Amino acid sequence: MGYLVPGLFAGLQRGTIFVLSCCSLVFIQFAPALAESNSYNYEVAPNLVTVVSGQISGVKWNDYDSDGEWDTGEPGLSNWKIYVDSNLNGNWDDGEPYSSTDQSGSYTLTNLDAGTYVIAEVQQEGWTQTFPEIPASSSFMRAPSTISDELSDDERREIEYTVIDSPPTPPPGFARTAVLQFPRSAVKLSNVPTSRWTYGCSATAAGMLFGYYDRTGYSNMYNGPTNGGVAPLSDLGQGQNPSAPISGSCSIIATMDGFDGRTGAGHVDDYWISYGSSGPDPWESAGVEHTWGGCTADYMGTNQWKWDFTGDAVRDHNTDGSTVYWSSGASKLYDYIPSSSYGLPQTALCHGLRLFAESRGYTVLENYNQKIDIVALGGFSFNDFKDEIDNGYPVLVHVTGHTMIGVGYDDATQTIYIHDTWNNLQHSMTWGGDYSGMTHVAMTVIHLAPIVQVAGTHTVLLGFGEHAVDKDFGNFGPAETDTVRIDWSTPDYCDVIQSAYDSAFDGDSVSVQIGNYSEMLLFDNPICIILGGGFDSSFNAQVGVTNVIGSLTIADGSLTVDRLTVQ
């Protein structure tokens, strides 16, 4: 067996107030109502600005030859709607960000947080999309696992564990910094939901994490009726009173009969008694346990009185938290699966994250626990934390006895910003320091495979403040009728070039609109004409060219060509 990490809230310094050293302490006259009675100070930083957001841009072009490649002479297309397909339904819906292409075909989507985005175009009648094409099937290597039953005794002795089981509200006397505004140097993910404690801090933090992914492209993380099927941004979880769930919350953290559209027993019905209660679980008297699904607490083992962690054939009752394993040294412990001798099913906090993501249909590239570098030299560092946030990945933050979620940082002061699971405010702590007396110990990281690309779209993993470019779209449009004009004093119009040539006289000019014309042209009259392309629907000259897909044979006479290509 492993070594037990010191217990819950060991060595608390009650009444201690932590303030960032770079900021003055400013008290404001109106404070939000707080459910808990612990002390607060409010941090308001000077020189506040809007945090830089990300952008995605590209060009919409007329793919004359329908080859899916943007060739010289192929112009941009204006007035096409390019949008973020947030719900992946293949249609632009009210509220989804969009940009209309300008005269050069360019578009830019702005004010985007870090995350995964599917970028699509609104199709127009008569056009066929040629780029991006339907992607080849992608396969990703499944995350590595550490299976306890396959380890030697010596290897198992290098693994430590603890049960994270903090209470529904902070104990009296706790003081922590609520960040109401952020300094100029702050980098923060703004799409991470907040939540009050819901049947376990680790499950609550995990719910916020997967709620973020639900809002940034991984839309199957939550699919209940609340908030139109999108994880709420505030009050994500329903709290810890089964008879009075928080209004507007959803069941991504813990399912319950009669809540959020569910019929039949869920996590709360089968496992919840009250905070600190051991067991037996309620389901044991009925003899039927619900099938896991739809909530993080199921898969993480929260509240479940099932396992024998000490190997003494006595259940150790995982009261209200989740079990966390990490290496005794600085290395990453990938997806640790506890020994079958501990009880079935084999799960713990980190492995539970993977099980939940996979239950929603997503592939996990890696998931691991790791001690921080302040605790174990060479461990997870502040720079590692920055990389996670910059790439759009929230991470779980473990302090002694409690789990929170990290959502941002301030490089200048090595401050990290967190949602602490006890209210809907945002908080801060110094990297490797204490959070109201609870020592920063370790991190849990999970990376998901990119969303399988939908045909004709771009899937973009956008880092914080990043500008992703060259997300282009190409379309082939057939020539419309009356797109060729013989420039007489009273113009005559045709729908093909050959017809206009056959009607023309010596010295005439023939103008052709921008578009694709599939013709085998034969110019065999003893006349001289000028053939000009690149005109719009009003026959005004444009930057683009006209493309003839076929051939041109001049058997007699002469021809002057302008802004027209033949392939």
Protein backbone atom coordinates (compact mmCIF):
# COMPACT_ATOMS: atom_id res chain seq x y z
CA MET A 1 0.00 0.00 0.00
CA GLY A 2 1.05 3.63 -0.34
CA TYR A 3 1.71 6.32 2.19
CA LEU A 4 -1.11 8.41 3.55
CA VAL A 5 -0.74 12.13 2.93
CA PRO A 6 -1.50 14.26 6.04
CA GLY A 7 -5.20 14.66 6.75
CA LEU A 8 -7.79 17.23 6.07
CA PHE A 9 -7.01 20.86 6.96
CA ALA A 10 -3.95 19.95 8.98
CA GLY A 11 -2.22 22.93 10.57
CA LEU A 12 -4.71 25.63 9.55
CA GLN A 13 -3.77 29.20 10.29
CA ARG A 14 -7.19 30.59 11.08
CA GLY A 15 -7.78 34.25 10.37
CA THR A 16 -4.78 34.64 8.08
CA ILE A 17 -5.37 37.03 5.16
CA PHE A 18 -3.40 36.58 1.93
CA VAL A 19 -2.97 39.61 -0.32
CA LEU A 20 -0.98 39.75 -3.58
CA SER A 21 2.18 41.71 -2.95
CA CYS A 22 1.85 43.70 -6.19
CA CYS A 23 -1.55 45.15 -5.37
CA SER A 24 -2.89 47.57 -2.82
CA LEU A 25 -5.69 46.37 -0.61
CA VAL A 26 -8.85 48.28 -1.48
CA PHE A 27 -12.13 47.76 0.35
CA ILE A 28 -15.26 48.43 -1.63
CA GLN A 29 -18.48 49.57 -0.02
CA PHE A 30 -20.72 46.92 -1.54
CA ALA A 31 -19.83 43.29 -1.00
CA PRO A 32 -21.67 40.36 -2.54
CA ALA A 33 -23.79 38.29 -0.23
CA LEU A 34 -21.88 35.18 0.81
CA ALA A 35 -23.33 31.92 2.06
CA GLU A 36 -20.41 31.20 4.37
CA SER A 37 -19.40 33.24 7.39
CA ASN A 38 -15.63 33.31 6.86
CA SER A 39 -13.66 36.53 6.48
CA TYR A 40 -12.98 38.15 3.10
CA ASN A 41 -10.82 40.82 1.62
CA TYR A 42 -11.38 42.14 -1.90
CA GLU A 43 -8.52 42.72 -4.28
CA VAL A 44 -8.92 45.51 -6.85
CA ALA A 45 -5.86 45.95 -9.04
CA PRO A 46 -4.81 49.25 -10.68
CA ASN A 47 -4.49 49.93 -14.40
CA LEU A 48 -7.18 47.48 -15.39
CA VAL A 49 -7.72 46.64 -19.05
CA THR A 50 -9.69 44.06 -20.98
CA VAL A 51 -7.66 40.88 -21.28
CA VAL A 52 -6.47 40.30 -24.86
CA SER A 53 -8.67 37.78 -26.64
CA GLY A 54 -8.02 35.43 -29.53
CA GLN A 55 -8.91 35.68 -33.20
CA ILE A 56 -9.44 33.34 -36.15
CA SER A 57 -9.14 34.62 -39.71
CA GLY A 58 -8.97 33.44 -43.28
CA VAL A 59 -10.17 34.03 -46.84
CA LYS A 60 -13.18 32.86 -48.81
CA TRP A 61 -12.20 32.41 -52.47
CA ASN A 62 -13.70 31.45 -55.81
CA ASP A 63 -12.18 28.08 -56.69
CA TYR A 64 -12.45 28.42 -60.46
CA ASP A 65 -11.01 25.01 -61.29
CA SER A 66 -12.65 23.22 -58.36
CA ASP A 67 -9.34 21.68 -57.23
CA GLY A 68 -9.51 22.73 -53.58
CA GLU A 69 -6.35 24.86 -53.94
CA TRP A 70 -6.20 28.63 -53.93
CA ASP A 71 -4.49 29.39 -57.23
CA THR A 72 -3.16 32.67 -58.59
CA GLY A 73 -5.97 34.61 -60.20
CA GLU A 74 -8.73 33.09 -58.11
CA PRO A 75 -10.40 36.02 -56.33
CA GLY A 76 -11.94 36.35 -52.91
CA LEU A 77 -15.70 36.25 -52.49
CA SER A 78 -17.47 38.95 -50.50
CA ASN A 79 -20.59 38.78 -48.33
CA TRP A 80 -20.21 35.16 -47.22
CA LYS A 81 -21.00 34.40 -43.56
CA ILE A 82 -18.24 32.52 -41.69
CA TYR A 83 -19.25 31.45 -38.18
CA VAL A 84 -18.44 29.44 -35.06
CA ASP A 85 -20.61 26.32 -35.06
CA SER A 86 -20.86 26.16 -31.28
CA ASN A 87 -23.46 23.38 -31.15
CA LEU A 88 -22.05 21.43 -34.13
CA ASN A 89 -25.40 21.25 -35.90
CA GLY A 90 -24.10 22.41 -39.28
CA ASN A 91 -26.15 25.62 -39.24
CA TRP A 92 -25.58 29.17 -38.11
CA ASP A 93 -27.78 29.84 -35.09
CA ASP A 94 -28.63 33.12 -33.44
CA GLY A 95 -25.93 33.98 -30.92
CA GLU A 96 -23.11 32.07 -32.63
CA PRO A 97 -20.19 34.42 -33.47
CA TYR A 98 -19.80 35.20 -37.16
CA SER A 99 -18.03 37.46 -39.63
CA SER A 100 -19.02 38.45 -43.18
CA THR A 101 -16.24 38.40 -45.78
CA ASP A 102 -15.15 41.75 -47.19
CA GLN A 103 -14.45 42.69 -50.82
CA SER A 104 -11.22 40.68 -50.81
CA GLY A 105 -12.95 37.65 -49.27
CA SER A 106 -11.26 38.12 -45.88
CA TYR A 107 -12.95 37.51 -42.53
CA THR A 108 -11.91 37.70 -38.88
CA LEU A 109 -13.68 36.25 -35.84
CA THR A 110 -12.71 38.23 -32.76
CA ASN A 111 -13.10 38.23 -28.96
CA LEU A 112 -12.51 34.48 -28.68
CA ASP A 113 -11.30 32.83 -25.49
CA ALA A 114 -8.83 30.00 -25.51
CA GLY A 115 -10.52 26.75 -26.46
CA THR A 116 -11.59 24.56 -29.36
CA TYR A 117 -13.71 26.05 -32.14
CA VAL A 118 -15.39 24.59 -35.21
CA ILE A 119 -15.45 27.20 -38.00
CA ALA A 120 -17.96 26.79 -40.82
CA GLU A 121 -19.51 28.78 -43.66
CA VAL A 122 -23.13 29.43 -44.57
CA GLN A 123 -23.59 27.82 -47.98
CA GLN A 124 -25.07 29.80 -50.88
CA GLU A 125 -27.29 28.35 -53.56
CA GLY A 126 -25.53 27.19 -56.71
CA TRP A 127 -22.09 26.89 -55.09
CA THR A 128 -20.17 23.72 -54.25
CA GLN A 129 -17.64 23.81 -51.40
CA THR A 130 -14.22 22.50 -52.44
CA PHE A 131 -12.13 23.42 -49.37
CA PRO A 132 -11.79 22.30 -46.65
CA GLU A 133 -12.62 18.81 -47.84
CA ILE A 134 -14.02 15.93 -45.83
CA PRO A 135 -11.08 15.00 -43.59
CA ALA A 136 -9.44 11.65 -43.62
CA SER A 137 -10.34 9.62 -40.56
CA SER A 138 -8.08 10.52 -37.67
CA SER A 139 -6.89 8.15 -35.01
CA PHE A 140 -5.35 9.21 -31.74
CA MET A 141 -3.31 7.11 -29.38
CA ARG A 142 -5.26 6.38 -26.20
CA ALA A 143 -3.86 7.84 -23.01
CA PRO A 144 -1.24 5.78 -21.17
CA SER A 145 -2.37 4.16 -17.91
CA THR A 146 -0.67 2.98 -14.75
CA ILE A 147 -2.38 -0.23 -13.68
CA SER A 148 -1.71 -1.11 -10.07
CA ASP A 149 -2.26 -4.83 -10.59
CA GLU A 150 0.60 -4.87 -13.10
CA LEU A 151 3.11 -3.12 -10.82
CA SER A 152 5.68 -4.75 -8.62
CA ASP A 153 5.54 -4.32 -4.85
CA ASP A 154 8.45 -1.89 -5.03
CA GLU A 155 6.68 0.17 -7.70
CA ARG A 156 3.49 0.32 -5.66
CA ARG A 157 5.47 1.57 -2.67
CA GLU A 158 6.43 4.60 -4.77
CA ILE A 159 2.82 5.69 -4.98
CA GLU A 160 1.06 7.79 -2.36
CA TYR A 161 -2.63 8.44 -1.93
CA THR A 162 -4.99 10.72 -0.06
CA VAL A 163 -8.74 11.15 0.13
CA ILE A 164 -9.78 14.69 -0.73
CA ASP A 165 -12.96 15.37 1.26
CA SER A 166 -13.33 19.05 2.10
CA PRO A 167 -16.67 20.23 3.58
CA PRO A 168 -19.53 22.00 1.77
CA THR A 169 -18.43 25.40 3.10
CA PRO A 170 -15.09 26.62 4.48
CA PRO A 171 -14.76 26.16 8.25
CA PRO A 172 -15.32 29.35 10.28
CA GLY A 173 -12.27 31.61 10.41
CA PHE A 174 -11.09 30.97 6.88
CA ALA A 175 -9.98 34.08 5.02
CA ARG A 176 -9.29 34.13 1.31
CA THR A 177 -8.88 36.70 -1.43
CA ALA A 178 -11.78 37.21 -3.81
CA VAL A 179 -10.57 38.79 -7.05
CA LEU A 180 -13.21 41.16 -8.38
CA GLN A 181 -11.03 42.65 -11.11
CA PHE A 182 -7.83 41.51 -12.76
CA PRO A 183 -4.56 43.38 -13.39
CA ARG A 184 -3.21 44.22 -16.81
CA SER A 185 -0.83 41.27 -16.71
CA ALA A 186 -3.54 38.67 -15.96
CA VAL A 187 -4.08 35.76 -18.33
CA LYS A 188 -7.35 33.98 -17.66
CA LEU A 189 -9.79 31.59 -19.27
CA SER A 190 -13.19 33.25 -19.09
CA ASN A 191 -15.38 30.34 -20.19
CA VAL A 192 -14.83 28.18 -17.11
CA PRO A 193 -18.07 27.87 -15.08
CA THR A 194 -18.19 28.60 -11.38
CA SER A 195 -20.00 26.41 -8.90
CA ARG A 196 -20.76 26.05 -5.24
CA TRP A 197 -19.80 22.79 -3.53
CA THR A 198 -21.90 19.95 -4.95
CA TYR A 199 -21.52 16.60 -3.17
CA GLY A 200 -17.71 16.79 -3.16
CA CYS A 201 -15.05 19.37 -4.02
CA SER A 202 -13.20 17.17 -6.54
CA ALA A 203 -16.39 16.29 -8.39
CA THR A 204 -17.33 19.98 -8.35
CA ALA A 205 -13.94 21.03 -9.76
CA ALA A 206 -14.19 18.31 -12.41
CA GLY A 207 -17.69 19.50 -13.31
CA MET A 208 -16.36 23.01 -13.86
CA LEU A 209 -13.57 21.62 -16.02
CA PHE A 210 -15.89 19.57 -18.23
CA GLY A 211 -18.43 22.40 -18.22
CA TYR A 212 -15.72 24.54 -19.81
CA TYR A 213 -15.16 21.94 -22.52
CA ASP A 214 -18.90 21.71 -23.06
CA ARG A 215 -18.89 25.44 -23.79
CA THR A 216 -15.83 25.31 -26.08
CA GLY A 217 -16.67 22.72 -28.70
CA TYR A 218 -17.03 19.44 -26.77
CA SER A 219 -20.77 19.89 -26.61
CA ASN A 220 -21.69 16.37 -25.49
CA MET A 221 -20.17 16.83 -22.02
CA TYR A 222 -23.56 18.05 -20.85
CA ASN A 223 -26.77 17.48 -22.81
CA GLY A 224 -29.57 17.95 -20.29
CA PRO A 225 -32.42 20.44 -20.60
CA THR A 226 -30.94 23.20 -18.42
CA ASN A 227 -29.69 26.31 -20.22
CA GLY A 228 -30.62 24.92 -23.63
CA GLY A 229 -28.27 21.97 -23.21
CA VAL A 230 -25.17 24.09 -22.54
CA ALA A 231 -23.37 23.93 -19.20
CA PRO A 232 -24.30 27.09 -17.21
CA LEU A 233 -21.49 29.57 -16.66
CA SER A 234 -22.53 30.42 -13.08
CA ASP A 235 -24.01 28.13 -10.42
CA LEU A 236 -23.09 25.07 -12.44
CA GLY A 237 -23.84 22.62 -9.62
CA GLN A 238 -27.01 22.21 -7.57
CA GLY A 239 -25.39 22.45 -4.13
CA GLN A 240 -25.69 19.83 -1.39
CA ASN A 241 -29.33 19.95 -0.35
CA PRO A 242 -31.31 17.37 -2.38
CA SER A 243 -34.61 18.98 -1.42
CA ALA A 244 -33.60 22.45 -2.67
CA PRO A 245 -31.24 22.40 -5.69
CA ILE A 246 -29.76 25.76 -6.67
CA SER A 247 -31.93 27.40 -9.31
CA GLY A 248 -30.51 27.28 -12.82
CA SER A 249 -27.97 24.56 -12.05
CA CYS A 250 -27.43 21.33 -13.96
CA SER A 251 -26.52 17.72 -13.22
CA ILE A 252 -23.02 17.45 -14.74
CA ILE A 253 -21.56 17.09 -11.22
CA ALA A 254 -24.20 14.86 -9.64
CA THR A 255 -27.38 13.33 -11.09
CA MET A 256 -30.56 13.00 -9.02
CA ASP A 257 -34.06 11.65 -9.59
CA GLY A 258 -36.44 14.47 -10.53
CA PHE A 259 -33.65 16.99 -11.11
CA ASP A 260 -32.63 18.34 -14.52
CA GLY A 261 -35.01 16.11 -16.44
CA ARG A 262 -33.87 12.84 -14.90
CA THR A 263 -36.29 10.03 -14.13
CA GLY A 264 -34.89 7.29 -11.92
CA ALA A 265 -32.18 7.10 -9.28
CA GLY A 266 -28.97 8.97 -9.84
CA HIS A 267 -25.79 9.68 -7.91
CA VAL A 268 -27.40 11.63 -5.06
CA ASP A 269 -30.14 9.03 -4.54
CA ASP A 270 -27.71 6.11 -4.34
CA TYR A 271 -24.72 7.59 -2.49
CA TRP A 272 -25.56 10.74 -0.54
CA ILE A 273 -26.51 10.65 3.16
CA SER A 274 -24.98 13.78 4.65
CA TYR A 275 -21.52 15.28 4.82
CA GLY A 276 -19.17 13.04 6.80
CA SER A 277 -21.49 10.02 6.81
CA SER A 278 -19.83 6.73 5.97
CA GLY A 279 -22.29 4.03 5.00
CA PRO A 280 -23.84 1.78 4.04
CA ASP A 281 -24.96 3.69 0.95
CA PRO A 282 -28.72 4.18 0.43
CA TRP A 283 -28.76 1.91 -2.63
CA GLU A 284 -27.60 -1.08 -0.59
CA SER A 285 -30.92 -1.40 1.23
CA ALA A 286 -32.75 -1.46 -2.09
CA GLY A 287 -30.17 -3.77 -3.63
CA VAL A 288 -30.09 -1.90 -6.93
CA GLU A 289 -27.42 0.63 -7.89
CA HIS A 290 -27.94 3.02 -10.80
CA THR A 291 -25.80 2.74 -13.91
CA TRP A 292 -23.10 5.39 -13.96
CA GLY A 293 -23.52 8.15 -16.51
CA GLY A 294 -23.88 11.89 -16.98
CA CYS A 295 -22.01 13.17 -13.92
CA THR A 296 -18.43 13.46 -12.72
CA ALA A 297 -19.14 12.25 -9.17
CA ASP A 298 -20.15 8.79 -10.43
CA TYR A 299 -16.91 8.11 -12.24
CA MET A 300 -14.61 9.67 -9.63
CA GLY A 301 -15.95 7.52 -6.81
CA THR A 302 -17.30 10.47 -4.82
CA ASN A 303 -19.48 9.60 -1.76
CA GLN A 304 -19.28 5.88 -2.56
CA TRP A 305 -18.83 3.46 0.35
CA LYS A 306 -17.22 0.67 -1.66
CA TRP A 307 -13.48 0.39 -1.39
CA ASP A 308 -10.86 -1.14 0.85
CA PHE A 309 -7.88 1.17 0.37
CA THR A 310 -5.83 -0.34 3.19
CA GLY A 311 -6.14 -3.94 2.05
CA ASP A 312 -7.48 -5.19 5.40
CA ALA A 313 -10.77 -6.56 3.99
CA VAL A 314 -12.69 -3.70 5.64
CA ARG A 315 -14.35 -1.03 3.54
CA ASP A 316 -12.77 2.34 4.19
CA HIS A 317 -15.87 4.30 3.15
CA ASN A 318 -14.93 7.10 0.74
CA THR A 319 -17.17 9.54 2.59
CA ASP A 320 -17.54 12.64 0.44
CA GLY A 321 -14.42 12.97 -1.66
CA SER A 322 -12.32 11.32 -4.30
CA THR A 323 -9.11 9.39 -3.88
CA VAL A 324 -5.99 10.94 -5.42
CA TYR A 325 -2.82 9.00 -6.20
CA TRP A 326 0.52 10.50 -7.17
CA SER A 327 4.13 9.42 -7.34
CA SER A 328 6.18 9.92 -4.20
CA GLY A 329 8.74 11.76 -6.34
CA ALA A 330 8.41 14.38 -9.07
CA SER A 331 7.31 12.22 -11.99
CA LYS A 332 3.88 12.19 -13.60
CA LEU A 333 1.56 9.37 -12.57
CA TYR A 334 -0.50 8.61 -15.64
CA ASP A 335 -4.12 7.51 -15.26
CA TYR A 336 -3.64 5.45 -12.12
CA ILE A 337 -6.07 2.52 -11.85
CA PRO A 338 -6.18 1.15 -8.28
CA SER A 339 -5.74 -2.53 -7.53
CA SER A 340 -8.77 -4.77 -7.96
CA SER A 341 -8.19 -5.90 -4.39
CA TYR A 342 -9.31 -2.43 -3.28
CA GLY A 343 -12.77 -3.09 -4.72
CA LEU A 344 -14.71 -2.76 -7.93
CA PRO A 345 -15.09 -0.81 -10.08
CA GLN A 346 -11.46 0.30 -10.09
CA THR A 347 -11.44 4.08 -10.13
CA ALA A 348 -10.00 7.20 -8.49
CA LEU A 349 -9.98 10.92 -9.16
CA CYS A 350 -7.70 11.06 -12.20
CA HIS A 351 -8.95 7.84 -13.78
CA GLY A 352 -12.50 9.04 -13.13
CA LEU A 353 -11.85 12.12 -15.28
CA ARG A 354 -10.89 9.84 -18.13
CA LEU A 355 -13.88 7.56 -17.61
CA PHE A 356 -16.25 10.52 -17.68
CA ALA A 357 -14.74 12.02 -20.86
CA GLU A 358 -14.85 8.64 -22.58
CA SER A 359 -18.45 8.12 -21.50
CA ARG A 360 -19.29 11.31 -23.40
CA GLY A 361 -17.64 9.97 -26.55
CA TYR A 362 -14.27 11.77 -26.41
CA THR A 363 -10.72 10.44 -26.58
CA VAL A 364 -8.29 11.26 -23.77
CA LEU A 365 -4.73 11.84 -24.96
CA GLU A 366 -3.27 11.92 -21.47
CA ASN A 367 -4.34 12.37 -17.87
CA TYR A 368 -2.02 12.43 -14.91
CA ASN A 369 -1.36 13.60 -11.36
CA GLN A 370 1.93 15.23 -10.42
CA LYS A 371 3.36 16.91 -7.37
CA ILE A 372 4.36 20.54 -7.88
CA ASP A 373 8.01 21.56 -8.06
CA ILE A 374 7.88 23.30 -4.65
CA VAL A 375 7.06 19.93 -3.07
CA ALA A 376 9.20 17.70 -5.30
CA LEU A 377 12.12 19.16 -7.28
CA GLY A 378 11.45 18.75 -10.98
CA GLY A 379 7.68 18.44 -10.52
CA PHE A 380 4.88 20.41 -12.15
CA SER A 381 6.04 24.03 -12.37
CA PHE A 382 4.44 27.44 -12.67
CA ASN A 383 5.63 27.51 -16.28
CA ASP A 384 3.85 24.20 -16.86
CA PHE A 385 0.70 25.76 -15.41
CA LYS A 386 1.07 28.76 -17.73
CA ASP A 387 1.41 26.44 -20.73
CA GLU A 388 -1.82 24.67 -19.82
CA ILE A 389 -3.77 27.92 -19.53
CA ASP A 390 -2.20 29.42 -22.66
CA ASN A 391 -3.33 26.38 -24.64
CA GLY A 392 -6.87 26.52 -23.29
CA TYR A 393 -6.64 23.75 -20.66
CA PRO A 394 -8.00 24.36 -17.13
CA VAL A 395 -6.33 22.12 -14.54
CA LEU A 396 -7.22 20.79 -11.10
CA VAL A 397 -5.29 22.28 -8.18
CA HIS A 398 -4.82 20.15 -5.05
CA VAL A 399 -4.10 21.73 -1.70
CA THR A 400 -4.11 19.78 1.55
CA GLY A 401 -7.59 18.22 1.80
CA HIS A 402 -9.20 20.24 -0.99
CA THR A 403 -9.46 20.35 -4.81
CA MET A 404 -10.00 23.51 -6.85
CA ILE A 405 -9.69 24.42 -10.53
CA GLY A 406 -7.00 26.69 -11.97
CA VAL A 407 -8.21 29.11 -14.64
CA GLY A 408 -5.49 31.75 -15.05
CA TYR A 409 -2.28 33.33 -13.86
CA ASP A 410 -0.28 36.51 -13.37
CA ASP A 411 3.30 35.91 -14.49
CA ALA A 412 4.65 38.97 -12.70
CA THR A 413 3.77 37.65 -9.24
CA GLN A 414 3.45 33.88 -9.87
CA THR A 415 -0.18 34.17 -8.86
CA ILE A 416 -2.70 31.60 -10.03
CA TYR A 417 -6.42 32.30 -10.33
CA ILE A 418 -8.83 29.65 -9.15
CA HIS A 419 -12.46 28.71 -8.65
CA ASP A 420 -12.39 27.23 -5.17
CA THR A 421 -15.76 25.31 -5.28
CA TRP A 422 -17.18 27.19 -2.30
CA ASN A 423 -18.85 30.10 -4.10
CA ASN A 424 -19.21 31.73 -7.50
CA LEU A 425 -16.45 34.27 -6.99
CA GLN A 426 -12.94 33.97 -8.36
CA HIS A 427 -9.93 33.70 -6.09
CA SER A 428 -6.16 33.75 -6.14
CA MET A 429 -3.18 32.14 -4.47
CA THR A 430 0.57 32.20 -4.89
CA TRP A 431 2.04 29.25 -6.77
CA GLY A 432 3.31 26.69 -4.26
CA GLY A 433 1.94 28.61 -1.29
CA ASP A 434 -1.04 28.16 1.00
CA TYR A 435 -4.70 28.73 0.37
CA SER A 436 -5.99 29.85 3.74
CA GLY A 437 -3.62 27.48 5.47
CA MET A 438 -4.03 24.57 3.03
CA THR A 439 -0.69 23.84 1.38
CA HIS A 440 -0.44 23.60 -2.40
CA VAL A 441 0.59 19.99 -3.11
CA ALA A 442 -0.16 18.70 -6.62
CA MET A 443 -1.98 19.09 -9.93
CA THR A 444 -4.22 16.95 -12.11
CA VAL A 445 -4.08 17.41 -15.88
CA ILE A 446 -6.28 16.00 -18.64
CA HIS A 447 -5.90 16.57 -22.39
CA LEU A 448 -8.63 15.62 -24.85
CA ALA A 449 -8.12 14.72 -28.49
CA PRO A 450 -9.29 17.38 -30.96
CA ILE A 451 -12.89 17.13 -32.03
CA VAL A 452 -13.24 15.02 -35.16
CA GLN A 453 -13.55 17.55 -37.93
CA VAL A 454 -16.95 17.96 -39.52
CA ALA A 455 -16.88 17.94 -43.32
CA GLY A 456 -16.26 21.38 -44.73
CA THR A 457 -15.17 22.98 -41.44
CA HIS A 458 -11.99 23.94 -39.64
CA THR A 459 -11.41 22.72 -36.08
CA VAL A 460 -9.18 25.24 -34.32
CA LEU A 461 -7.51 24.78 -30.92
CA LEU A 462 -7.01 28.41 -29.97
CA GLY A 463 -4.49 29.36 -27.33
CA PHE A 464 -4.94 32.37 -25.07
CA GLY A 465 -4.60 35.58 -27.11
CA GLU A 466 -3.65 33.58 -30.21
CA HIS A 467 -4.51 34.67 -33.75
CA ALA A 468 -5.11 31.58 -35.89
CA VAL A 469 -4.78 32.40 -39.59
CA ASP A 470 -5.32 30.77 -43.00
CA LYS A 471 -8.61 29.11 -42.06
CA ASP A 472 -9.76 29.45 -45.65
CA PHE A 473 -12.84 28.30 -47.56
CA GLY A 474 -13.07 27.62 -51.30
CA ASN A 475 -16.21 27.28 -53.44
CA PHE A 476 -16.83 26.50 -57.08
CA GLY A 477 -19.74 28.40 -58.61
CA PRO A 478 -21.30 27.64 -61.99
CA ALA A 479 -21.67 30.52 -64.46
CA GLU A 480 -25.11 32.09 -64.40
CA THR A 481 -27.16 33.07 -67.48
CA ASP A 482 -26.46 36.34 -69.31
CA THR A 483 -22.95 36.53 -67.90
CA VAL A 484 -21.30 37.31 -71.27
CA ARG A 485 -21.86 40.65 -73.00
CA ILE A 486 -21.15 41.87 -76.54
CA ASP A 487 -20.30 45.53 -76.07
CA TRP A 488 -22.49 47.04 -78.75
CA SER A 489 -24.19 50.42 -78.28
CA THR A 490 -27.16 48.34 -77.21
CA PRO A 491 -25.37 45.40 -75.55
CA ASP A 492 -26.35 41.85 -76.30
CA TYR A 493 -26.07 39.19 -73.61
CA CYS A 494 -25.26 35.47 -73.78
CA ASP A 495 -24.69 32.71 -71.27
CA VAL A 496 -21.62 31.19 -72.99
CA ILE A 497 -18.54 32.74 -74.58
CA GLN A 498 -18.78 30.76 -77.81
CA SER A 499 -22.24 32.13 -78.54
CA ALA A 500 -21.06 35.72 -78.07
CA TYR A 501 -18.08 35.17 -80.39
CA ASP A 502 -20.25 33.64 -83.07
CA SER A 503 -22.44 36.79 -83.03
CA ALA A 504 -19.61 39.33 -82.84
CA PHE A 505 -18.19 41.49 -85.67
CA ASP A 506 -14.68 42.61 -86.46
CA GLY A 507 -13.39 44.97 -83.78
CA ASP A 508 -16.02 44.08 -81.19
CA SER A 509 -15.32 43.58 -77.49
CA VAL A 510 -16.77 40.70 -75.49
CA SER A 511 -16.90 41.09 -71.68
CA VAL A 512 -17.24 38.08 -69.37
CA GLN A 513 -18.20 38.07 -65.68
CA ILE A 514 -16.04 36.45 -63.00
CA GLY A 515 -16.87 32.78 -62.87
CA ASN A 516 -16.11 29.36 -64.28
CA TYR A 517 -17.04 28.55 -67.89
CA SER A 518 -16.71 24.96 -69.10
CA GLU A 519 -16.25 25.37 -72.86
CA MET A 520 -14.21 24.12 -75.81
CA LEU A 521 -13.80 27.44 -77.64
CA LEU A 522 -13.24 27.58 -81.39
CA PHE A 523 -12.51 31.03 -82.88
CA ASP A 524 -12.54 30.45 -86.65
CA ASN A 525 -13.89 33.72 -88.13
CA PRO A 526 -11.55 36.14 -89.97
CA ILE A 527 -12.19 38.89 -87.41
CA CYS A 528 -10.28 40.60 -84.64
CA ILE A 529 -12.03 40.83 -81.24
CA ILE A 530 -11.10 41.72 -77.68
CA LEU A 531 -12.09 39.17 -75.03
CA GLY A 532 -12.04 40.59 -71.50
CA GLY A 533 -12.76 38.81 -68.22
CA GLY A 534 -13.04 39.76 -64.58
CA PHE A 535 -16.35 41.64 -64.59
CA ASP A 536 -19.01 41.62 -61.88
CA SER A 537 -22.77 41.30 -62.36
CA SER A 538 -22.96 44.94 -63.42
CA PHE A 539 -20.05 44.46 -65.81
CA ASN A 540 -17.72 46.60 -63.77
CA ALA A 541 -14.08 45.47 -63.94
CA GLN A 542 -12.93 43.65 -60.79
CA VAL A 543 -9.62 42.38 -59.43
CA GLY A 544 -10.53 38.76 -60.17
CA VAL A 545 -10.32 36.88 -63.43
CA THR A 546 -12.60 34.70 -65.54
CA ASN A 547 -11.67 31.04 -65.86
CA VAL A 548 -12.38 28.80 -68.85
CA ILE A 549 -12.15 25.13 -67.98
CA GLY A 550 -11.54 23.54 -71.38
CA SER A 551 -9.58 24.79 -74.42
CA LEU A 552 -9.25 27.69 -76.83
CA THR A 553 -8.46 27.20 -80.51
CA ILE A 554 -7.89 30.20 -82.81
CA ALA A 555 -8.29 28.91 -86.40
CA ASP A 556 -8.65 32.32 -88.07
CA GLY A 557 -8.58 35.99 -87.22
CA SER A 558 -6.94 37.38 -84.09
CA LEU A 559 -7.79 37.69 -80.39
CA THR A 560 -6.77 40.03 -77.57
CA VAL A 561 -7.35 38.56 -74.08
CA ASP A 562 -7.51 40.42 -70.74
CA ARG A 563 -8.11 38.93 -67.24
CA LEU A 564 -9.09 35.51 -68.57
CA THR A 565 -7.39 32.16 -68.06
CA VAL A 566 -7.83 28.85 -69.86
CA GLN A 567 -7.21 25.50 -68.21
